[in-house]
Amino acid sequence: MKLVPLLDRVVLKQLEAEETTKSGIILTTSAQEKPQEAEVIAVGPGGVVDGNKIEMQVKKGQKVIYSKYAGTDVKLDGEEYIIVRQSDILAVVEK
């Protein structure tokens, strides 16, 4: 199956949580913070939302930072995804 987002929605796959700190301390599962960094899996077509024309600014494959409590968690074929509005994406991570 495939997730195809509508309007200004974006499907994200959350990146793995850090298991160690920068100083080398190993974190337990309960101490690991949910990462806010994800990879863009699919992007909706944009369009008119609430009377405003929305052009999509993110592309499939980009790494992004999204708002901590944003989106809807979805499980499909054993994989977990987050569906957010483009406005919930705060930044694109460039290397």
PDB file of N, CA and C in Angstrom:
ATOM      1  N   MET A   1       0.837  -1.189   0.000  1.00  0.00           N
ATOM      2  CA  MET A   1       0.000   0.000   0.000  1.00  0.00           C
ATOM      3  C   MET A   1       0.876   1.245   0.000  1.00  0.00           C
ATOM      4  N   LYS A   2       0.266   2.352  -0.356  1.00  0.00           N
ATOM      5  CA  LYS A   2       0.995   3.603  -0.490  1.00  0.00           C
ATOM      6  C   LYS A   2       0.150   4.730   0.106  1.00  0.00           C
ATOM      7  N   LEU A   3       0.768   5.615   0.875  1.00  0.00           N
ATOM      8  CA  LEU A   3       0.078   6.784   1.411  1.00  0.00           C
ATOM      9  C   LEU A   3       0.207   7.929   0.422  1.00  0.00           C
ATOM     10  N   VAL A   4      -0.917   8.510   0.020  1.00  0.00           N
ATOM     11  CA  VAL A   4      -0.923   9.648  -0.891  1.00  0.00           C
ATOM     12  C   VAL A   4      -1.603  10.800  -0.162  1.00  0.00           C
ATOM     13  N   PRO A   5      -0.831  11.800   0.310  1.00  0.00           N
ATOM     14  CA  PRO A   5      -1.426  12.898   1.065  1.00  0.00           C
ATOM     15  C   PRO A   5      -2.245  13.837   0.187  1.00  0.00           C
ATOM     16  N   LEU A   6      -3.229  14.466   0.781  1.00  0.00           N
ATOM     17  CA  LEU A   6      -4.099  15.408   0.090  1.00  0.00           C
ATOM     18  C   LEU A   6      -3.725  16.845   0.457  1.00  0.00           C
ATOM     19  N   LEU A   7      -4.066  17.774  -0.418  1.00  0.00           N
ATOM     20  CA  LEU A   7      -3.859  19.207  -0.214  1.00  0.00           C
ATOM     21  C   LEU A   7      -2.470  19.529   0.316  1.00  0.00           C
ATOM     22  N   ASP A   8      -2.387  20.171   1.507  1.00  0.00           N
ATOM     23  CA  ASP A   8      -1.091  20.618   2.035  1.00  0.00           C
ATOM     24  C   ASP A   8      -0.503  19.645   3.052  1.00  0.00           C
ATOM     25  N   ARG A   9      -0.883  18.370   2.967  1.00  0.00           N
ATOM     26  CA  ARG A   9      -0.382  17.373   3.911  1.00  0.00           C
ATOM     27  C   ARG A   9       0.932  16.768   3.417  1.00  0.00           C
ATOM     28  N   VAL A  10       1.761  16.342   4.385  1.00  0.00           N
ATOM     29  CA  VAL A  10       3.057  15.737   4.096  1.00  0.00           C
ATOM     30  C   VAL A  10       3.184  14.481   4.947  1.00  0.00           C
ATOM     31  N   VAL A  11       3.625  13.377   4.341  1.00  0.00           N
ATOM     32  CA  VAL A  11       3.859  12.132   5.072  1.00  0.00           C
ATOM     33  C   VAL A  11       5.333  12.089   5.456  1.00  0.00           C
ATOM     34  N   LEU A  12       5.588  11.897   6.767  1.00  0.00           N
ATOM     35  CA  LEU A  12       6.942  11.867   7.295  1.00  0.00           C
ATOM     36  C   LEU A  12       7.243  10.517   7.918  1.00  0.00           C
ATOM     37  N   LYS A  13       8.501  10.109   7.855  1.00  0.00           N
ATOM     38  CA  LYS A  13       8.978   8.929   8.576  1.00  0.00           C
ATOM     39  C   LYS A  13      10.004   9.438   9.569  1.00  0.00           C
ATOM     40  N   GLN A  14       9.676   9.250  10.839  1.00  0.00           N
ATOM     41  CA  GLN A  14      10.522   9.758  11.903  1.00  0.00           C
ATOM     42  C   GLN A  14      11.879   9.074  11.905  1.00  0.00           C
ATOM     43  N   LEU A  15      12.936   9.848  12.103  1.00  0.00           N
ATOM     44  CA  LEU A  15      14.277   9.301  12.186  1.00  0.00           C
ATOM     45  C   LEU A  15      14.481   8.679  13.563  1.00  0.00           C
ATOM     46  N   GLU A  16      15.424   7.769  13.672  1.00  0.00           N
ATOM     47  CA  GLU A  16      15.665   7.049  14.921  1.00  0.00           C
ATOM     48  C   GLU A  16      16.125   7.989  16.027  1.00  0.00           C
ATOM     49  N   ALA A  17      15.701   7.696  17.265  1.00  0.00           N
ATOM     50  CA  ALA A  17      16.110   8.478  18.433  1.00  0.00           C
ATOM     51  C   ALA A  17      17.571   8.198  18.751  1.00  0.00           C
ATOM     52  N   GLU A  18      18.245   9.193  19.256  1.00  0.00           N
ATOM     53  CA  GLU A  18      19.640   9.029  19.664  1.00  0.00           C
ATOM     54  C   GLU A  18      19.695   8.105  20.875  1.00  0.00           C
ATOM     55  N   GLU A  19      20.573   7.125  20.839  1.00  0.00           N
ATOM     56  CA  GLU A  19      20.707   6.190  21.949  1.00  0.00           C
ATOM     57  C   GLU A  19      21.840   6.567  22.893  1.00  0.00           C
ATOM     58  N   THR A  20      22.704   7.491  22.453  1.00  0.00           N
ATOM     59  CA  THR A  20      23.781   7.960  23.319  1.00  0.00           C
ATOM     60  C   THR A  20      23.865   9.478  23.228  1.00  0.00           C
ATOM     61  N   THR A  21      24.346  10.091  24.295  1.00  0.00           N
ATOM     62  CA  THR A  21      24.550  11.532  24.273  1.00  0.00           C
ATOM     63  C   THR A  21      25.875  11.828  23.569  1.00  0.00           C
ATOM     64  N   LYS A  22      26.139  13.101  23.311  1.00  0.00           N
ATOM     65  CA  LYS A  22      27.400  13.478  22.649  1.00  0.00           C
ATOM     66  C   LYS A  22      28.608  13.090  23.491  1.00  0.00           C
ATOM     67  N   SER A  23      28.422  13.049  24.820  1.00  0.00           N
ATOM     68  CA  SER A  23      29.532  12.676  25.698  1.00  0.00           C
ATOM     69  C   SER A  23      29.668  11.170  25.870  1.00  0.00           C
ATOM     70  N   GLY A  24      28.784  10.376  25.210  1.00  0.00           N
ATOM     71  CA  GLY A  24      28.913   8.924  25.227  1.00  0.00           C
ATOM     72  C   GLY A  24      28.049   8.200  26.238  1.00  0.00           C
ATOM     73  N   ILE A  25      27.179   8.913  26.960  1.00  0.00           N
ATOM     74  CA  ILE A  25      26.298   8.266  27.928  1.00  0.00           C
ATOM     75  C   ILE A  25      25.165   7.562  27.179  1.00  0.00           C
ATOM     76  N   ILE A  26      24.933   6.290  27.489  1.00  0.00           N
ATOM     77  CA  ILE A  26      23.878   5.514  26.838  1.00  0.00           C
ATOM     78  C   ILE A  26      22.543   5.823  27.515  1.00  0.00           C
ATOM     79  N   LEU A  27      21.530   6.172  26.710  1.00  0.00           N
ATOM     80  CA  LEU A  27      20.208   6.508  27.233  1.00  0.00           C
ATOM     81  C   LEU A  27      19.295   5.292  27.217  1.00  0.00           C
ATOM     82  N   THR A  28      18.494   5.137  28.271  1.00  0.00           N
ATOM     83  CA  THR A  28      17.478   4.084  28.279  1.00  0.00           C
ATOM     84  C   THR A  28      16.343   4.512  27.366  1.00  0.00           C
ATOM     85  N   THR A  29      15.501   3.584  26.975  1.00  0.00           N
ATOM     86  CA  THR A  29      14.387   3.891  26.084  1.00  0.00           C
ATOM     87  C   THR A  29      13.485   4.974  26.665  1.00  0.00           C
ATOM     88  N   SER A  30      13.232   4.923  27.973  1.00  0.00           N
ATOM     89  CA  SER A  30      12.341   5.913  28.602  1.00  0.00           C
ATOM     90  C   SER A  30      12.979   7.295  28.645  1.00  0.00           C
ATOM     91  N   ALA A  31      14.301   7.392  28.628  1.00  0.00           N
ATOM     92  CA  ALA A  31      14.988   8.685  28.684  1.00  0.00           C
ATOM     93  C   ALA A  31      15.186   9.296  27.306  1.00  0.00           C
ATOM     94  N   GLN A  32      15.002   8.512  26.262  1.00  0.00           N
ATOM     95  CA  GLN A  32      15.197   9.023  24.905  1.00  0.00           C
ATOM     96  C   GLN A  32      14.050   9.947  24.544  1.00  0.00           C
ATOM     97  N   GLU A  33      14.406  11.110  24.037  1.00  0.00           N
ATOM     98  CA  GLU A  33      13.399  12.058  23.623  1.00  0.00           C
ATOM     99  C   GLU A  33      12.946  11.733  22.201  1.00  0.00           C
ATOM    100  N   LYS A  34      11.648  11.875  21.959  1.00  0.00           N
ATOM    101  CA  LYS A  34      11.121  11.634  20.617  1.00  0.00           C
ATOM    102  C   LYS A  34      11.747  12.656  19.664  1.00  0.00           C
ATOM    103  N   PRO A  35      12.434  12.204  18.629  1.00  0.00           N
ATOM    104  CA  PRO A  35      13.081  13.152  17.726  1.00  0.00           C
ATOM    105  C   PRO A  35      12.049  13.942  16.929  1.00  0.00           C
ATOM    106  N   GLN A  36      12.413  15.161  16.593  1.00  0.00           N
ATOM    107  CA  GLN A  36      11.541  16.003  15.788  1.00  0.00           C
ATOM    108  C   GLN A  36      12.065  16.075  14.365  1.00  0.00           C
ATOM    109  N   GLU A  37      13.020  15.219  14.038  1.00  0.00           N
ATOM    110  CA  GLU A  37      13.591  15.195  12.701  1.00  0.00           C
ATOM    111  C   GLU A  37      13.011  13.997  11.954  1.00  0.00           C
ATOM    112  N   ALA A  38      12.633  14.216  10.696  1.00  0.00           N
ATOM    113  CA  ALA A  38      12.004  13.152   9.910  1.00  0.00           C
ATOM    114  C   ALA A  38      12.377  13.305   8.442  1.00  0.00           C
ATOM    115  N   GLU A  39      12.144  12.226   7.704  1.00  0.00           N
ATOM    116  CA  GLU A  39      12.350  12.245   6.260  1.00  0.00           C
ATOM    117  C   GLU A  39      10.990  12.367   5.582  1.00  0.00           C
ATOM    118  N   VAL A  40      10.923  13.202   4.547  1.00  0.00           N
ATOM    119  CA  VAL A  40       9.690  13.377   3.784  1.00  0.00           C
ATOM    120  C   VAL A  40       9.507  12.161   2.881  1.00  0.00           C
ATOM    121  N   ILE A  41       8.393  11.459   3.042  1.00  0.00           N
ATOM    122  CA  ILE A  41       8.085  10.260   2.255  1.00  0.00           C
ATOM    123  C   ILE A  41       7.187  10.595   1.065  1.00  0.00           C
ATOM    124  N   ALA A  42       6.205  11.485   1.285  1.00  0.00           N
ATOM    125  CA  ALA A  42       5.285  11.877   0.217  1.00  0.00           C
ATOM    126  C   ALA A  42       4.764  13.284   0.501  1.00  0.00           C
ATOM    127  N   VAL A  43       4.449  14.021  -0.562  1.00  0.00           N
ATOM    128  CA  VAL A  43       3.990  15.404  -0.450  1.00  0.00           C
ATOM    129  C   VAL A  43       2.686  15.555  -1.225  1.00  0.00           C
ATOM    130  N   GLY A  44       1.703  16.212  -0.604  1.00  0.00           N
ATOM    131  CA  GLY A  44       0.440  16.486  -1.282  1.00  0.00           C
ATOM    132  C   GLY A  44       0.636  17.513  -2.391  1.00  0.00           C
ATOM    133  N   PRO A  45      -0.397  17.727  -3.212  1.00  0.00           N
ATOM    134  CA  PRO A  45      -0.268  18.620  -4.359  1.00  0.00           C
ATOM    135  C   PRO A  45      -0.387  20.107  -4.025  1.00  0.00           C
ATOM    136  N   GLY A  46      -0.731  20.441  -2.777  1.00  0.00           N
ATOM    137  CA  GLY A  46      -0.984  21.844  -2.449  1.00  0.00           C
ATOM    138  C   GLY A  46      -2.404  22.185  -2.864  1.00  0.00           C
ATOM    139  N   GLY A  47      -2.649  23.427  -3.197  1.00  0.00           N
ATOM    140  CA  GLY A  47      -3.984  23.834  -3.621  1.00  0.00           C
ATOM    141  C   GLY A  47      -4.503  24.964  -2.759  1.00  0.00           C
ATOM    142  N   VAL A  48      -5.814  25.115  -2.709  1.00  0.00           N
ATOM    143  CA  VAL A  48      -6.425  26.184  -1.931  1.00  0.00           C
ATOM    144  C   VAL A  48      -6.895  25.614  -0.601  1.00  0.00           C
ATOM    145  N   VAL A  49      -6.356  26.175   0.494  1.00  0.00           N
ATOM    146  CA  VAL A  49      -6.727  25.765   1.844  1.00  0.00           C
ATOM    147  C   VAL A  49      -7.187  27.011   2.584  1.00  0.00           C
ATOM    148  N   ASP A  50      -8.418  26.992   3.070  1.00  0.00           N
ATOM    149  CA  ASP A  50      -9.005  28.138   3.781  1.00  0.00           C
ATOM    150  C   ASP A  50      -8.916  29.420   2.957  1.00  0.00           C
ATOM    151  N   GLY A  51      -9.102  29.325   1.656  1.00  0.00           N
ATOM    152  CA  GLY A  51      -9.098  30.477   0.770  1.00  0.00           C
ATOM    153  C   GLY A  51      -7.717  30.959   0.358  1.00  0.00           C
ATOM    154  N   ASN A  52      -6.679  30.303   0.834  1.00  0.00           N
ATOM    155  CA  ASN A  52      -5.309  30.695   0.488  1.00  0.00           C
ATOM    156  C   ASN A  52      -4.662  29.641  -0.403  1.00  0.00           C
ATOM    157  N   LYS A  53      -3.968  30.102  -1.445  1.00  0.00           N
ATOM    158  CA  LYS A  53      -3.271  29.161  -2.330  1.00  0.00           C
ATOM    159  C   LYS A  53      -1.992  28.698  -1.635  1.00  0.00           C
ATOM    160  N   ILE A  54      -1.838  27.384  -1.525  1.00  0.00           N
ATOM    161  CA  ILE A  54      -0.677  26.789  -0.873  1.00  0.00           C
ATOM    162  C   ILE A  54       0.198  26.111  -1.924  1.00  0.00           C
ATOM    163  N   GLU A  55       1.458  26.536  -1.995  1.00  0.00           N
ATOM    164  CA  GLU A  55       2.436  25.867  -2.853  1.00  0.00           C
ATOM    165  C   GLU A  55       3.342  25.053  -1.951  1.00  0.00           C
ATOM    166  N   MET A  56       3.575  23.823  -2.311  1.00  0.00           N
ATOM    167  CA  MET A  56       4.393  22.947  -1.476  1.00  0.00           C
ATOM    168  C   MET A  56       5.869  23.327  -1.600  1.00  0.00           C
ATOM    169  N   GLN A  57       6.532  23.453  -0.453  1.00  0.00           N
ATOM    170  CA  GLN A  57       7.929  23.882  -0.429  1.00  0.00           C
ATOM    171  C   GLN A  57       8.883  22.757  -0.047  1.00  0.00           C
ATOM    172  N   VAL A  58       8.339  21.600   0.312  1.00  0.00           N
ATOM    173  CA  VAL A  58       9.198  20.457   0.644  1.00  0.00           C
ATOM    174  C   VAL A  58       9.057  19.400  -0.439  1.00  0.00           C
ATOM    175  N   LYS A  59      10.091  18.560  -0.551  1.00  0.00           N
ATOM    176  CA  LYS A  59      10.093  17.511  -1.564  1.00  0.00           C
ATOM    177  C   LYS A  59      10.400  16.172  -0.930  1.00  0.00           C
ATOM    178  N   LYS A  60       9.978  15.129  -1.589  1.00  0.00           N
ATOM    179  CA  LYS A  60      10.260  13.768  -1.145  1.00  0.00           C
ATOM    180  C   LYS A  60      11.769  13.594  -0.976  1.00  0.00           C
ATOM    181  N   GLY A  61      12.163  12.952   0.120  1.00  0.00           N
ATOM    182  CA  GLY A  61      13.562  12.678   0.374  1.00  0.00           C
ATOM    183  C   GLY A  61      14.259  13.692   1.258  1.00  0.00           C
ATOM    184  N   GLN A  62      13.672  14.886   1.421  1.00  0.00           N
ATOM    185  CA  GLN A  62      14.294  15.896   2.272  1.00  0.00           C
ATOM    186  C   GLN A  62      14.170  15.503   3.746  1.00  0.00           C
ATOM    187  N   LYS A  63      15.121  15.973   4.546  1.00  0.00           N
ATOM    188  CA  LYS A  63      15.041  15.799   5.994  1.00  0.00           C
ATOM    189  C   LYS A  63      14.522  17.115   6.566  1.00  0.00           C
ATOM    190  N   VAL A  64      13.554  17.024   7.484  1.00  0.00           N
ATOM    191  CA  VAL A  64      12.914  18.219   8.027  1.00  0.00           C
ATOM    192  C   VAL A  64      12.803  18.136   9.549  1.00  0.00           C
ATOM    193  N   ILE A  65      12.602  19.294  10.164  1.00  0.00           N
ATOM    194  CA  ILE A  65      12.285  19.406  11.580  1.00  0.00           C
ATOM    195  C   ILE A  65      10.824  19.826  11.640  1.00  0.00           C
ATOM    196  N   TYR A  66      10.037  19.114  12.450  1.00  0.00           N
ATOM    197  CA  TYR A  66       8.612  19.426  12.534  1.00  0.00           C
ATOM    198  C   TYR A  66       8.226  19.744  13.973  1.00  0.00           C
ATOM    199  N   SER A  67       7.095  20.381  14.135  1.00  0.00           N
ATOM    200  CA  SER A  67       6.595  20.789  15.443  1.00  0.00           C
ATOM    201  C   SER A  67       6.374  19.570  16.337  1.00  0.00           C
ATOM    202  N   LYS A  68       6.735  19.683  17.595  1.00  0.00           N
ATOM    203  CA  LYS A  68       6.773  18.547  18.525  1.00  0.00           C
ATOM    204  C   LYS A  68       5.452  17.787  18.647  1.00  0.00           C
ATOM    205  N   TYR A  69       4.337  18.488  18.720  1.00  0.00           N
ATOM    206  CA  TYR A  69       3.050  17.824  18.935  1.00  0.00           C
ATOM    207  C   TYR A  69       2.171  17.826  17.693  1.00  0.00           C
ATOM    208  N   ALA A  70       2.776  17.962  16.542  1.00  0.00           N
ATOM    209  CA  ALA A  70       2.033  18.054  15.285  1.00  0.00           C
ATOM    210  C   ALA A  70       1.713  16.685  14.721  1.00  0.00           C
ATOM    211  N   GLY A  71       0.689  16.645  13.903  1.00  0.00           N
ATOM    212  CA  GLY A  71       0.430  15.494  13.064  1.00  0.00           C
ATOM    213  C   GLY A  71      -0.381  14.370  13.655  1.00  0.00           C
ATOM    214  N   THR A  72      -0.595  13.393  12.807  1.00  0.00           N
ATOM    215  CA  THR A  72      -1.351  12.187  13.137  1.00  0.00           C
ATOM    216  C   THR A  72      -0.460  10.988  12.878  1.00  0.00           C
ATOM    217  N   ASP A  73      -0.301  10.147  13.888  1.00  0.00           N
ATOM    218  CA  ASP A  73       0.495   8.934  13.732  1.00  0.00           C
ATOM    219  C   ASP A  73      -0.311   7.885  12.993  1.00  0.00           C
ATOM    220  N   VAL A  74       0.313   7.244  12.009  1.00  0.00           N
ATOM    221  CA  VAL A  74      -0.346   6.236  11.182  1.00  0.00           C
ATOM    222  C   VAL A  74       0.572   5.031  11.069  1.00  0.00           C
ATOM    223  N   LYS A  75      -0.006   3.831  11.157  1.00  0.00           N
ATOM    224  CA  LYS A  75       0.780   2.607  10.958  1.00  0.00           C
ATOM    225  C   LYS A  75       0.228   1.912   9.713  1.00  0.00           C
ATOM    226  N   LEU A  76       1.119   1.611   8.758  1.00  0.00           N
ATOM    227  CA  LEU A  76       0.714   0.992   7.500  1.00  0.00           C
ATOM    228  C   LEU A  76       1.750  -0.044   7.113  1.00  0.00           C
ATOM    229  N   ASP A  77       1.319  -1.262   6.903  1.00  0.00           N
ATOM    230  CA  ASP A  77       2.216  -2.366   6.534  1.00  0.00           C
ATOM    231  C   ASP A  77       3.401  -2.505   7.504  1.00  0.00           C
ATOM    232  N   GLY A  78       3.125  -2.321   8.785  1.00  0.00           N
ATOM    233  CA  GLY A  78       4.166  -2.480   9.802  1.00  0.00           C
ATOM    234  C   GLY A  78       5.100  -1.296   9.958  1.00  0.00           C
ATOM    235  N   GLU A  79       4.944  -0.258   9.167  1.00  0.00           N
ATOM    236  CA  GLU A  79       5.773   0.949   9.247  1.00  0.00           C
ATOM    237  C   GLU A  79       4.957   2.064   9.911  1.00  0.00           C
ATOM    238  N   GLU A  80       5.644   2.910  10.674  1.00  0.00           N
ATOM    239  CA  GLU A  80       4.976   4.036  11.325  1.00  0.00           C
ATOM    240  C   GLU A  80       5.307   5.331  10.598  1.00  0.00           C
ATOM    241  N   TYR A  81       4.279   6.141  10.362  1.00  0.00           N
ATOM    242  CA  TYR A  81       4.416   7.414   9.670  1.00  0.00           C
ATOM    243  C   TYR A  81       3.699   8.491  10.464  1.00  0.00           C
ATOM    244  N   ILE A  82       4.003   9.746  10.144  1.00  0.00           N
ATOM    245  CA  ILE A  82       3.320  10.891  10.721  1.00  0.00           C
ATOM    246  C   ILE A  82       2.819  11.729   9.551  1.00  0.00           C
ATOM    247  N   ILE A  83       1.549  12.096   9.581  1.00  0.00           N
ATOM    248  CA  ILE A  83       0.996  12.970   8.544  1.00  0.00           C
ATOM    249  C   ILE A  83       0.797  14.346   9.173  1.00  0.00           C
ATOM    250  N   VAL A  84       1.459  15.359   8.589  1.00  0.00           N
ATOM    251  CA  VAL A  84       1.385  16.720   9.109  1.00  0.00           C
ATOM    252  C   VAL A  84       0.989  17.680   8.002  1.00  0.00           C
ATOM    253  N   ARG A  85       0.542  18.858   8.397  1.00  0.00           N
ATOM    254  CA  ARG A  85       0.341  19.937   7.428  1.00  0.00           C
ATOM    255  C   ARG A  85       1.707  20.550   7.144  1.00  0.00           C
ATOM    256  N   GLN A  86       1.874  21.094   5.962  1.00  0.00           N
ATOM    257  CA  GLN A  86       3.144  21.719   5.627  1.00  0.00           C
ATOM    258  C   GLN A  86       3.500  22.808   6.636  1.00  0.00           C
ATOM    259  N   SER A  87       2.503  23.517   7.162  1.00  0.00           N
ATOM    260  CA  SER A  87       2.770  24.598   8.121  1.00  0.00           C
ATOM    261  C   SER A  87       3.330  24.085   9.448  1.00  0.00           C
ATOM    262  N   ASP A  88       3.225  22.768   9.715  1.00  0.00           N
ATOM    263  CA  ASP A  88       3.803  22.178  10.926  1.00  0.00           C
ATOM    264  C   ASP A  88       5.283  21.851  10.756  1.00  0.00           C
ATOM    265  N   ILE A  89       5.791  21.970   9.524  1.00  0.00           N
ATOM    266  CA  ILE A  89       7.213  21.740   9.270  1.00  0.00           C
ATOM    267  C   ILE A  89       7.926  23.064   9.513  1.00  0.00           C
ATOM    268  N   LEU A  90       8.916  23.023  10.411  1.00  0.00           N
ATOM    269  CA  LEU A  90       9.589  24.249  10.836  1.00  0.00           C
ATOM    270  C   LEU A  90      10.813  24.582   9.996  1.00  0.00           C
ATOM    271  N   ALA A  91      11.527  23.540   9.510  1.00  0.00           N
ATOM    272  CA  ALA A  91      12.757  23.797   8.771  1.00  0.00           C
ATOM    273  C   ALA A  91      13.145  22.575   7.949  1.00  0.00           C
ATOM    274  N   VAL A  92      13.931  22.821   6.908  1.00  0.00           N
ATOM    275  CA  VAL A  92      14.524  21.761   6.108  1.00  0.00           C
ATOM    276  C   VAL A  92      15.981  21.648   6.561  1.00  0.00           C
ATOM    277  N   VAL A  93      16.442  20.424   6.794  1.00  0.00           N
ATOM    278  CA  VAL A  93      17.825  20.199   7.217  1.00  0.00           C
ATOM    279  C   VAL A  93      18.679  20.008   5.973  1.00  0.00           C
ATOM    280  N   GLU A  94      19.644  20.913   5.769  1.00  0.00           N
ATOM    281  CA  GLU A  94      20.540  20.818   4.615  1.00  0.00           C
ATOM    282  C   GLU A  94      21.930  20.450   5.087  1.00  0.00           C
ATOM    283  N   LYS A  95      22.630  19.663   4.279  1.00  0.00           N
ATOM    284  CA  LYS A  95      23.991  19.264   4.654  1.00  0.00           C
ATOM    285  C   LYS A  95      24.982  19.747   3.652  1.00  0.00           C
TER     286      LYS A  95
END
